[in-house]
């Protein structure tokens, strides 16, 4: 990574750690993905049931494979034989001990902003699992809510192609604000702070570019 980009990402993580700690999140700064992964596993007690939100960040870090092999019970959304079984795993994850996910954007004020296709990630982040661990690269930090939604629109075509959604944006490369059954941008979640349920939100902020 370019030296100046790394410097900027480190400063971003430093600033966001201070901001998000002030508003009730438990923050864990990490210099790279390997350190972030070690932090994540240390935050999951042995024997815990673990749900996953769909996340390129976590997949690129190898987190699902490690959870399958480790001393935890993974509610494995990725190894199912049908959509009905996938949905059952989504519902099971709402009562997990730990929910582990990425995020679409974090505002400078410390808001977590996500948009879902099925709503399972948004739902579990907001309510249900006893602990929520969010892993985010410094590239996810944006100035405000307007910038967060602009970012979501920008990355939507890549997410649609990744998941095989037959949407207009998957062809054009830009948001078409489609209104079709295959639309991916259906449910929005905004977490303003971590103070409501003390100790529930753990945010692992990484001084790298991770995910989309």
C-alpha atoms as a PDB file:
ATOM      1  CA  UNK A   1       0.000   0.000   0.000  1.00  0.00           C
ATOM      2  CA  UNK A   2       1.154   3.539  -0.753  1.00  0.00           C
ATOM      3  CA  UNK A   3       2.794   5.082   2.316  1.00  0.00           C
ATOM      4  CA  UNK A   4       0.561   8.163   2.312  1.00  0.00           C
ATOM      5  CA  UNK A   5      -2.625   6.137   1.849  1.00  0.00           C
ATOM      6  CA  UNK A   6      -1.636   3.957   4.810  1.00  0.00           C
ATOM      7  CA  UNK A   7      -0.973   7.066   6.889  1.00  0.00           C
ATOM      8  CA  UNK A   8      -4.411   8.434   6.016  1.00  0.00           C
ATOM      9  CA  UNK A   9      -6.132   5.138   6.847  1.00  0.00           C
ATOM     10  CA  UNK A  10      -4.354   4.983  10.202  1.00  0.00           C
ATOM     11  CA  UNK A  11      -5.452   8.528  11.025  1.00  0.00           C
ATOM     12  CA  UNK A  12      -9.002   7.693   9.966  1.00  0.00           C
ATOM     13  CA  UNK A  13      -9.048   4.660  12.264  1.00  0.00           C
ATOM     14  CA  UNK A  14      -7.610   6.729  15.099  1.00  0.00           C
ATOM     15  CA  UNK A  15     -10.205   9.481  14.664  1.00  0.00           C
ATOM     16  CA  UNK A  16     -13.142   7.084  14.284  1.00  0.00           C
ATOM     17  CA  UNK A  17     -12.075   5.025  17.287  1.00  0.00           C
ATOM     18  CA  UNK A  18     -12.217   8.152  19.431  1.00  0.00           C
ATOM     19  CA  UNK A  19     -15.554   9.274  17.986  1.00  0.00           C
ATOM     20  CA  UNK A  20     -17.278   5.910  18.222  1.00  0.00           C
ATOM     21  CA  UNK A  21     -15.971   5.184  21.713  1.00  0.00           C
ATOM     22  CA  UNK A  22     -17.509   8.450  22.905  1.00  0.00           C
ATOM     23  CA  UNK A  23     -20.947   7.330  21.722  1.00  0.00           C
ATOM     24  CA  UNK A  24     -20.983   3.907  23.282  1.00  0.00           C
ATOM     25  CA  UNK A  25     -19.383   1.463  20.867  1.00  0.00           C
ATOM     26  CA  UNK A  26     -16.485  -0.730  21.982  1.00  0.00           C
ATOM     27  CA  UNK A  27     -13.835  -0.082  19.353  1.00  0.00           C
ATOM     28  CA  UNK A  28     -10.874  -2.223  18.385  1.00  0.00           C
ATOM     29  CA  UNK A  29      -8.380  -0.560  16.006  1.00  0.00           C
ATOM     30  CA  UNK A  30      -6.374  -2.894  13.769  1.00  0.00           C
ATOM     31  CA  UNK A  31      -3.510  -2.060  11.438  1.00  0.00           C
ATOM     32  CA  UNK A  32      -4.332  -4.765   8.898  1.00  0.00           C
ATOM     33  CA  UNK A  33      -6.721  -7.601   8.098  1.00  0.00           C
ATOM     34  CA  UNK A  34      -4.630 -10.242   9.880  1.00  0.00           C
ATOM     35  CA  UNK A  35      -4.729  -8.280  13.129  1.00  0.00           C
ATOM     36  CA  UNK A  36      -8.442  -7.638  12.647  1.00  0.00           C
ATOM     37  CA  UNK A  37      -9.091 -11.369  12.278  1.00  0.00           C
ATOM     38  CA  UNK A  38      -7.245 -12.127  15.514  1.00  0.00           C
ATOM     39  CA  UNK A  39      -9.316  -9.522  17.314  1.00  0.00           C
ATOM     40  CA  UNK A  40     -12.555 -10.943  15.919  1.00  0.00           C
ATOM     41  CA  UNK A  41     -11.826 -14.481  17.124  1.00  0.00           C
ATOM     42  CA  UNK A  42     -10.821 -13.196  20.564  1.00  0.00           C
ATOM     43  CA  UNK A  43     -14.238 -11.549  20.901  1.00  0.00           C
ATOM     44  CA  UNK A  44     -16.201 -14.781  20.323  1.00  0.00           C
ATOM     45  CA  UNK A  45     -16.414 -16.997  23.433  1.00  0.00           C
ATOM     46  CA  UNK A  46     -15.878 -20.706  22.857  1.00  0.00           C
ATOM     47  CA  UNK A  47     -19.112 -22.592  22.273  1.00  0.00           C
ATOM     48  CA  UNK A  48     -20.982 -19.510  21.077  1.00  0.00           C
ATOM     49  CA  UNK A  49     -23.519 -19.685  18.282  1.00  0.00           C
ATOM     50  CA  UNK A  50     -22.395 -17.302  15.546  1.00  0.00           C
ATOM     51  CA  UNK A  51     -24.477 -15.739  12.783  1.00  0.00           C
ATOM     52  CA  UNK A  52     -23.008 -14.036   9.741  1.00  0.00           C
ATOM     53  CA  UNK A  53     -24.111 -11.112   7.645  1.00  0.00           C
ATOM     54  CA  UNK A  54     -23.210 -11.322   3.971  1.00  0.00           C
ATOM     55  CA  UNK A  55     -19.825  -9.624   3.752  1.00  0.00           C
ATOM     56  CA  UNK A  56     -17.056  -9.502   1.179  1.00  0.00           C
ATOM     57  CA  UNK A  57     -14.785  -8.191   3.918  1.00  0.00           C
ATOM     58  CA  UNK A  58     -15.289 -11.272   6.104  1.00  0.00           C
ATOM     59  CA  UNK A  59     -15.048 -13.667   3.177  1.00  0.00           C
ATOM     60  CA  UNK A  60     -11.795 -12.095   1.958  1.00  0.00           C
ATOM     61  CA  UNK A  61     -10.410 -12.442   5.502  1.00  0.00           C
ATOM     62  CA  UNK A  62     -11.253 -16.161   5.531  1.00  0.00           C
ATOM     63  CA  UNK A  63     -13.542 -15.737   8.535  1.00  0.00           C
ATOM     64  CA  UNK A  64     -16.275 -18.249   7.561  1.00  0.00           C
ATOM     65  CA  UNK A  65     -13.751 -21.075   7.096  1.00  0.00           C
ATOM     66  CA  UNK A  66     -12.068 -20.329  10.416  1.00  0.00           C
ATOM     67  CA  UNK A  67     -15.402 -20.271  12.229  1.00  0.00           C
ATOM     68  CA  UNK A  68     -16.349 -23.628  10.710  1.00  0.00           C
ATOM     69  CA  UNK A  69     -13.138 -25.182  11.991  1.00  0.00           C
ATOM     70  CA  UNK A  70     -12.999 -23.445  15.367  1.00  0.00           C
ATOM     71  CA  UNK A  71     -14.615 -23.978  18.787  1.00  0.00           C
ATOM     72  CA  UNK A  72     -17.865 -22.264  17.832  1.00  0.00           C
ATOM     73  CA  UNK A  73     -21.227 -23.217  16.338  1.00  0.00           C
ATOM     74  CA  UNK A  74     -21.514 -21.380  13.035  1.00  0.00           C
ATOM     75  CA  UNK A  75     -25.014 -20.829  11.712  1.00  0.00           C
ATOM     76  CA  UNK A  76     -23.742 -21.364   8.200  1.00  0.00           C
ATOM     77  CA  UNK A  77     -25.737 -19.306   5.723  1.00  0.00           C
ATOM     78  CA  UNK A  78     -23.359 -20.286   2.923  1.00  0.00           C
ATOM     79  CA  UNK A  79     -23.858 -24.055   2.988  1.00  0.00           C
ATOM     80  CA  UNK A  80     -27.525 -24.671   2.301  1.00  0.00           C
ATOM     81  CA  UNK A  81     -29.428 -26.685  -0.296  1.00  0.00           C
ATOM     82  CA  UNK A  82     -32.358 -24.348  -0.901  1.00  0.00           C
ATOM     83  CA  UNK A  83     -33.575 -20.788  -0.448  1.00  0.00           C
ATOM     84  CA  UNK A  84     -35.948 -21.999   2.281  1.00  0.00           C
ATOM     85  CA  UNK A  85     -33.002 -23.439   4.193  1.00  0.00           C
ATOM     86  CA  UNK A  86     -31.057 -20.199   3.736  1.00  0.00           C
ATOM     87  CA  UNK A  87     -33.979 -18.220   5.135  1.00  0.00           C
ATOM     88  CA  UNK A  88     -34.153 -20.603   8.087  1.00  0.00           C
ATOM     89  CA  UNK A  89     -30.498 -19.878   8.825  1.00  0.00           C
ATOM     90  CA  UNK A  90     -31.190 -16.149   8.606  1.00  0.00           C
ATOM     91  CA  UNK A  91     -33.947 -16.504  11.203  1.00  0.00           C
ATOM     92  CA  UNK A  92     -31.773 -18.678  13.433  1.00  0.00           C
ATOM     93  CA  UNK A  93     -29.047 -16.038  13.372  1.00  0.00           C
ATOM     94  CA  UNK A  94     -31.436 -13.514  14.915  1.00  0.00           C
ATOM     95  CA  UNK A  95     -31.073 -15.429  18.185  1.00  0.00           C
ATOM     96  CA  UNK A  96     -27.321 -16.065  17.943  1.00  0.00           C
ATOM     97  CA  UNK A  97     -24.936 -15.351  20.786  1.00  0.00           C
ATOM     98  CA  UNK A  98     -22.775 -13.366  18.366  1.00  0.00           C
ATOM     99  CA  UNK A  99     -23.574 -11.757  15.025  1.00  0.00           C
ATOM    100  CA  UNK A 100     -20.572 -10.947  12.868  1.00  0.00           C
ATOM    101  CA  UNK A 101     -20.884  -8.645   9.877  1.00  0.00           C
ATOM    102  CA  UNK A 102     -19.355  -5.941   7.747  1.00  0.00           C
ATOM    103  CA  UNK A 103     -21.083  -2.663   6.987  1.00  0.00           C
ATOM    104  CA  UNK A 104     -21.752  -0.550   3.912  1.00  0.00           C
ATOM    105  CA  UNK A 105     -20.662   2.742   5.448  1.00  0.00           C
ATOM    106  CA  UNK A 106     -19.751   4.503   8.693  1.00  0.00           C
ATOM    107  CA  UNK A 107     -20.354   8.222   8.927  1.00  0.00           C
ATOM    108  CA  UNK A 108     -17.917  10.579  10.616  1.00  0.00           C
ATOM    109  CA  UNK A 109     -20.541  10.928  13.364  1.00  0.00           C
ATOM    110  CA  UNK A 110     -20.303   7.184  14.023  1.00  0.00           C
ATOM    111  CA  UNK A 111     -23.487   5.962  12.344  1.00  0.00           C
ATOM    112  CA  UNK A 112     -23.508   2.465  10.847  1.00  0.00           C
ATOM    113  CA  UNK A 113     -25.420   2.516   7.555  1.00  0.00           C
ATOM    114  CA  UNK A 114     -26.510  -0.636   5.733  1.00  0.00           C
ATOM    115  CA  UNK A 115     -28.839  -1.595   2.905  1.00  0.00           C
ATOM    116  CA  UNK A 116     -29.986  -5.202   2.483  1.00  0.00           C
ATOM    117  CA  UNK A 117     -31.705  -7.413  -0.024  1.00  0.00           C
ATOM    118  CA  UNK A 118     -33.489  -9.714   2.459  1.00  0.00           C
ATOM    119  CA  UNK A 119     -33.062  -7.597   5.588  1.00  0.00           C
ATOM    120  CA  UNK A 120     -31.430 -10.294   7.708  1.00  0.00           C
ATOM    121  CA  UNK A 121     -28.207  -8.358   8.284  1.00  0.00           C
ATOM    122  CA  UNK A 122     -30.007  -5.118   9.131  1.00  0.00           C
ATOM    123  CA  UNK A 123     -32.416  -6.940  11.453  1.00  0.00           C
ATOM    124  CA  UNK A 124     -29.718  -8.851  13.365  1.00  0.00           C
ATOM    125  CA  UNK A 125     -27.511  -5.792  13.685  1.00  0.00           C
ATOM    126  CA  UNK A 126     -30.330  -3.817  15.256  1.00  0.00           C
ATOM    127  CA  UNK A 127     -31.905  -6.445  17.528  1.00  0.00           C
ATOM    128  CA  UNK A 128     -31.561 -10.057  18.593  1.00  0.00           C
ATOM    129  CA  UNK A 129     -27.990 -11.354  18.931  1.00  0.00           C
ATOM    130  CA  UNK A 130     -26.377 -10.664  22.300  1.00  0.00           C
ATOM    131  CA  UNK A 131     -23.175  -9.334  20.741  1.00  0.00           C
ATOM    132  CA  UNK A 132     -22.621  -7.681  17.364  1.00  0.00           C
ATOM    133  CA  UNK A 133     -19.141  -7.471  15.856  1.00  0.00           C
ATOM    134  CA  UNK A 134     -18.746  -5.154  12.868  1.00  0.00           C
ATOM    135  CA  UNK A 135     -15.540  -5.273  10.819  1.00  0.00           C
ATOM    136  CA  UNK A 136     -14.852  -2.298   8.565  1.00  0.00           C
ATOM    137  CA  UNK A 137     -11.917  -1.041   6.556  1.00  0.00           C
ATOM    138  CA  UNK A 138     -11.103   2.657   6.646  1.00  0.00           C
ATOM    139  CA  UNK A 139     -12.483   2.929   3.108  1.00  0.00           C
ATOM    140  CA  UNK A 140     -15.992   2.558   4.556  1.00  0.00           C
ATOM    141  CA  UNK A 141     -15.789   5.885   6.411  1.00  0.00           C
ATOM    142  CA  UNK A 142     -17.795   8.716   4.800  1.00  0.00           C
ATOM    143  CA  UNK A 143     -18.678  12.249   5.818  1.00  0.00           C
ATOM    144  CA  UNK A 144     -22.424  11.955   6.427  1.00  0.00           C
ATOM    145  CA  UNK A 145     -25.624  10.067   5.635  1.00  0.00           C
ATOM    146  CA  UNK A 146     -25.883  11.534   2.138  1.00  0.00           C
ATOM    147  CA  UNK A 147     -22.385  10.281   1.388  1.00  0.00           C
ATOM    148  CA  UNK A 148     -23.245   6.891   2.891  1.00  0.00           C
ATOM    149  CA  UNK A 149     -26.185   6.405   0.542  1.00  0.00           C
ATOM    150  CA  UNK A 150     -24.132   7.651  -2.393  1.00  0.00           C
ATOM    151  CA  UNK A 151     -21.534   5.038  -1.522  1.00  0.00           C
ATOM    152  CA  UNK A 152     -24.190   2.322  -1.320  1.00  0.00           C
ATOM    153  CA  UNK A 153     -25.497   3.256  -4.765  1.00  0.00           C
ATOM    154  CA  UNK A 154     -21.962   3.165  -6.143  1.00  0.00           C
ATOM    155  CA  UNK A 155     -21.161  -0.315  -4.832  1.00  0.00           C
ATOM    156  CA  UNK A 156     -24.602  -1.838  -5.514  1.00  0.00           C
ATOM    157  CA  UNK A 157     -23.749  -2.989  -9.066  1.00  0.00           C
ATOM    158  CA  UNK A 158     -20.741  -4.931  -7.787  1.00  0.00           C
ATOM    159  CA  UNK A 159     -22.767  -6.562  -5.031  1.00  0.00           C
ATOM    160  CA  UNK A 160     -25.517  -7.500  -7.473  1.00  0.00           C
ATOM    161  CA  UNK A 161     -23.008  -9.129  -9.810  1.00  0.00           C
ATOM    162  CA  UNK A 162     -21.325 -10.905  -6.891  1.00  0.00           C
ATOM    163  CA  UNK A 163     -24.633 -12.419  -5.771  1.00  0.00           C
ATOM    164  CA  UNK A 164     -26.074 -13.058  -9.216  1.00  0.00           C
ATOM    165  CA  UNK A 165     -28.948 -10.595  -8.964  1.00  0.00           C
ATOM    166  CA  UNK A 166     -30.367  -9.919 -12.431  1.00  0.00           C
ATOM    167  CA  UNK A 167     -30.748  -6.178 -12.019  1.00  0.00           C
ATOM    168  CA  UNK A 168     -30.252  -3.288 -14.445  1.00  0.00           C
ATOM    169  CA  UNK A 169     -27.264  -2.030 -12.451  1.00  0.00           C
ATOM    170  CA  UNK A 170     -25.512  -5.381 -12.863  1.00  0.00           C
ATOM    171  CA  UNK A 171     -25.362  -4.580 -16.579  1.00  0.00           C
ATOM    172  CA  UNK A 172     -24.974  -0.802 -16.622  1.00  0.00           C
ATOM    173  CA  UNK A 173     -22.610  -0.443 -13.660  1.00  0.00           C
ATOM    174  CA  UNK A 174     -24.679   2.335 -12.061  1.00  0.00           C
ATOM    175  CA  UNK A 175     -27.746   2.486  -9.837  1.00  0.00           C
ATOM    176  CA  UNK A 176     -30.960   2.511 -11.891  1.00  0.00           C
ATOM    177  CA  UNK A 177     -33.274   2.690  -8.831  1.00  0.00           C
ATOM    178  CA  UNK A 178     -35.058  -0.379 -10.217  1.00  0.00           C
ATOM    179  CA  UNK A 179     -38.396  -1.556  -8.851  1.00  0.00           C
ATOM    180  CA  UNK A 180     -38.294  -5.264  -9.654  1.00  0.00           C
ATOM    181  CA  UNK A 181     -38.387  -8.455  -7.547  1.00  0.00           C
ATOM    182  CA  UNK A 182     -34.635  -8.939  -8.035  1.00  0.00           C
ATOM    183  CA  UNK A 183     -33.832  -5.532  -6.545  1.00  0.00           C
ATOM    184  CA  UNK A 184     -31.095  -5.763  -3.935  1.00  0.00           C
ATOM    185  CA  UNK A 185     -31.613  -2.417  -2.193  1.00  0.00           C
ATOM    186  CA  UNK A 186     -34.745  -3.159  -0.157  1.00  0.00           C
ATOM    187  CA  UNK A 187     -34.119  -2.580   3.543  1.00  0.00           C
ATOM    188  CA  UNK A 188     -32.177   0.205   5.270  1.00  0.00           C
ATOM    189  CA  UNK A 189     -30.657   0.173   8.737  1.00  0.00           C
ATOM    190  CA  UNK A 190     -29.021   3.074  10.553  1.00  0.00           C
ATOM    191  CA  UNK A 191     -27.437   2.643  13.982  1.00  0.00           C
ATOM    192  CA  UNK A 192     -26.869   6.068  15.503  1.00  0.00           C
ATOM    193  CA  UNK A 193     -24.795   4.999  18.525  1.00  0.00           C
ATOM    194  CA  UNK A 194     -23.931   2.078  20.787  1.00  0.00           C
ATOM    195  CA  UNK A 195     -25.347   3.418  24.045  1.00  0.00           C
ATOM    196  CA  UNK A 196     -28.774   1.730  24.123  1.00  0.00           C
ATOM    197  CA  UNK A 197     -27.430  -1.683  25.133  1.00  0.00           C
ATOM    198  CA  UNK A 198     -24.027  -1.173  26.710  1.00  0.00           C
ATOM    199  CA  UNK A 199     -21.341  -3.573  25.511  1.00  0.00           C
ATOM    200  CA  UNK A 200     -23.339  -5.039  22.616  1.00  0.00           C
ATOM    201  CA  UNK A 201     -21.543  -3.375  19.697  1.00  0.00           C
ATOM    202  CA  UNK A 202     -17.898  -4.157  19.016  1.00  0.00           C
ATOM    203  CA  UNK A 203     -16.420  -2.301  16.031  1.00  0.00           C
ATOM    204  CA  UNK A 204     -13.165  -3.541  14.504  1.00  0.00           C
ATOM    205  CA  UNK A 205     -11.743  -0.646  12.479  1.00  0.00           C
ATOM    206  CA  UNK A 206      -8.990  -1.601  10.058  1.00  0.00           C
ATOM    207  CA  UNK A 207      -6.390   0.715   8.510  1.00  0.00           C
ATOM    208  CA  UNK A 208      -6.768  -0.967   5.129  1.00  0.00           C
ATOM    209  CA  UNK A 209      -9.179  -1.026   2.233  1.00  0.00           C
ATOM    210  CA  UNK A 210     -11.467  -4.011   2.778  1.00  0.00           C
ATOM    211  CA  UNK A 211     -14.539  -5.146   0.886  1.00  0.00           C
ATOM    212  CA  UNK A 212     -16.379  -3.031  -1.651  1.00  0.00           C
END
